[in-house]
Amino acid sequence: MRTNLPWAHRYEAGRIRAPDRVQQPKAAVINHFKQARGWRYDDKVHAVKVMSQEQPDWRKLRRSASFERFEAKLLLP
């Protein structure tokens, strides 16, 4: 098993208008990875790589109620 898999190309996932309403968001991400890469998404490994590829749009992320809760937990003293 290779540990440092190269990111061969960008993958444009379709825009989801109400991401907080997605029934199984992790399953959606797994399906995107399987379609684009052909292998299973592992959040403990791939989330860091995905986020480090490009600066996220914090303005858009903060519109999500679930991201707001996540950010608040990170910022607890």
Protein backbone atom coordinates (compact mmCIF):
# COMPACT_ATOMS: atom_id res chain seq x y z
CA MET A 1 0.00 0.00 0.00
CA ARG A 2 1.36 3.41 -0.96
CA THR A 3 1.13 6.08 1.70
CA ASN A 4 1.62 9.28 -0.32
CA LEU A 5 -0.81 9.00 -3.20
CA PRO A 6 -0.49 11.87 -5.67
CA TRP A 7 -3.53 14.00 -6.44
CA ALA A 8 -3.64 13.57 -10.20
CA HIS A 9 -6.37 16.06 -11.07
CA ARG A 10 -8.99 18.37 -9.64
CA TYR A 11 -12.46 16.97 -9.18
CA GLU A 12 -15.35 19.39 -9.33
CA ALA A 13 -18.14 18.04 -7.16
CA GLY A 14 -21.59 19.33 -7.91
CA ARG A 15 -22.83 22.24 -5.83
CA ILE A 16 -25.22 21.32 -3.04
CA ARG A 17 -27.57 24.17 -2.19
CA ALA A 18 -28.42 22.98 1.33
CA PRO A 19 -25.50 20.85 2.56
CA ASP A 20 -26.87 20.64 6.10
CA ARG A 21 -29.88 18.75 4.71
CA VAL A 22 -27.84 15.94 3.13
CA GLN A 23 -28.97 12.75 4.85
CA GLN A 24 -25.59 11.01 4.88
CA PRO A 25 -22.84 13.53 4.10
CA LYS A 26 -19.98 11.11 4.74
CA ALA A 27 -21.50 8.64 2.28
CA ALA A 28 -21.67 11.44 -0.31
CA VAL A 29 -17.96 12.18 0.15
CA ILE A 30 -17.12 8.47 -0.08
CA ASN A 31 -19.06 8.27 -3.36
CA HIS A 32 -17.25 11.32 -4.76
CA PHE A 33 -13.88 9.76 -3.92
CA LYS A 34 -14.85 6.42 -5.39
CA GLN A 35 -16.03 8.10 -8.61
CA ALA A 36 -12.99 10.38 -8.97
CA ARG A 37 -10.21 8.20 -7.60
CA GLY A 38 -11.49 4.65 -7.53
CA TRP A 39 -10.68 4.11 -3.86
CA ARG A 40 -12.41 4.56 -0.53
CA TYR A 41 -12.29 7.87 1.35
CA ASP A 42 -10.80 7.64 4.85
CA ASP A 43 -11.61 10.82 6.75
CA LYS A 44 -8.66 10.43 9.12
CA VAL A 45 -6.23 10.39 6.19
CA HIS A 46 -7.77 12.25 3.28
CA ALA A 47 -9.53 15.21 4.94
CA VAL A 48 -6.21 16.91 5.68
CA LYS A 49 -5.01 16.35 2.12
CA VAL A 50 -8.25 17.68 0.63
CA MET A 51 -8.25 20.80 2.82
CA SER A 52 -4.57 21.49 2.15
CA GLN A 53 -4.99 21.46 -1.64
CA GLU A 54 -6.68 24.83 -1.76
CA GLN A 55 -7.59 27.59 0.67
CA PRO A 56 -11.21 26.98 1.73
CA ASP A 57 -13.82 29.70 1.35
CA TRP A 58 -14.50 30.35 5.03
CA ARG A 59 -17.40 32.65 4.19
CA LYS A 60 -19.28 29.80 2.51
CA LEU A 61 -18.37 27.31 5.21
CA ARG A 62 -19.66 29.59 7.95
CA ARG A 63 -23.11 29.58 6.33
CA SER A 64 -23.43 25.95 7.38
CA ALA A 65 -24.96 25.36 10.83
CA SER A 66 -22.98 22.14 11.27
CA PHE A 67 -19.70 23.88 10.42
CA GLU A 68 -20.55 26.64 12.89
CA ARG A 69 -20.97 24.02 15.64
CA PHE A 70 -17.70 22.36 14.61
CA GLU A 71 -15.82 25.69 14.62
CA ALA A 72 -17.26 26.61 18.02
CA LYS A 73 -16.01 23.31 19.49
CA LEU A 74 -12.53 23.98 18.07
CA LEU A 75 -12.42 27.45 19.61
CA LEU A 76 -13.42 26.40 23.14
CA PRO A 77 -10.85 27.50 25.75
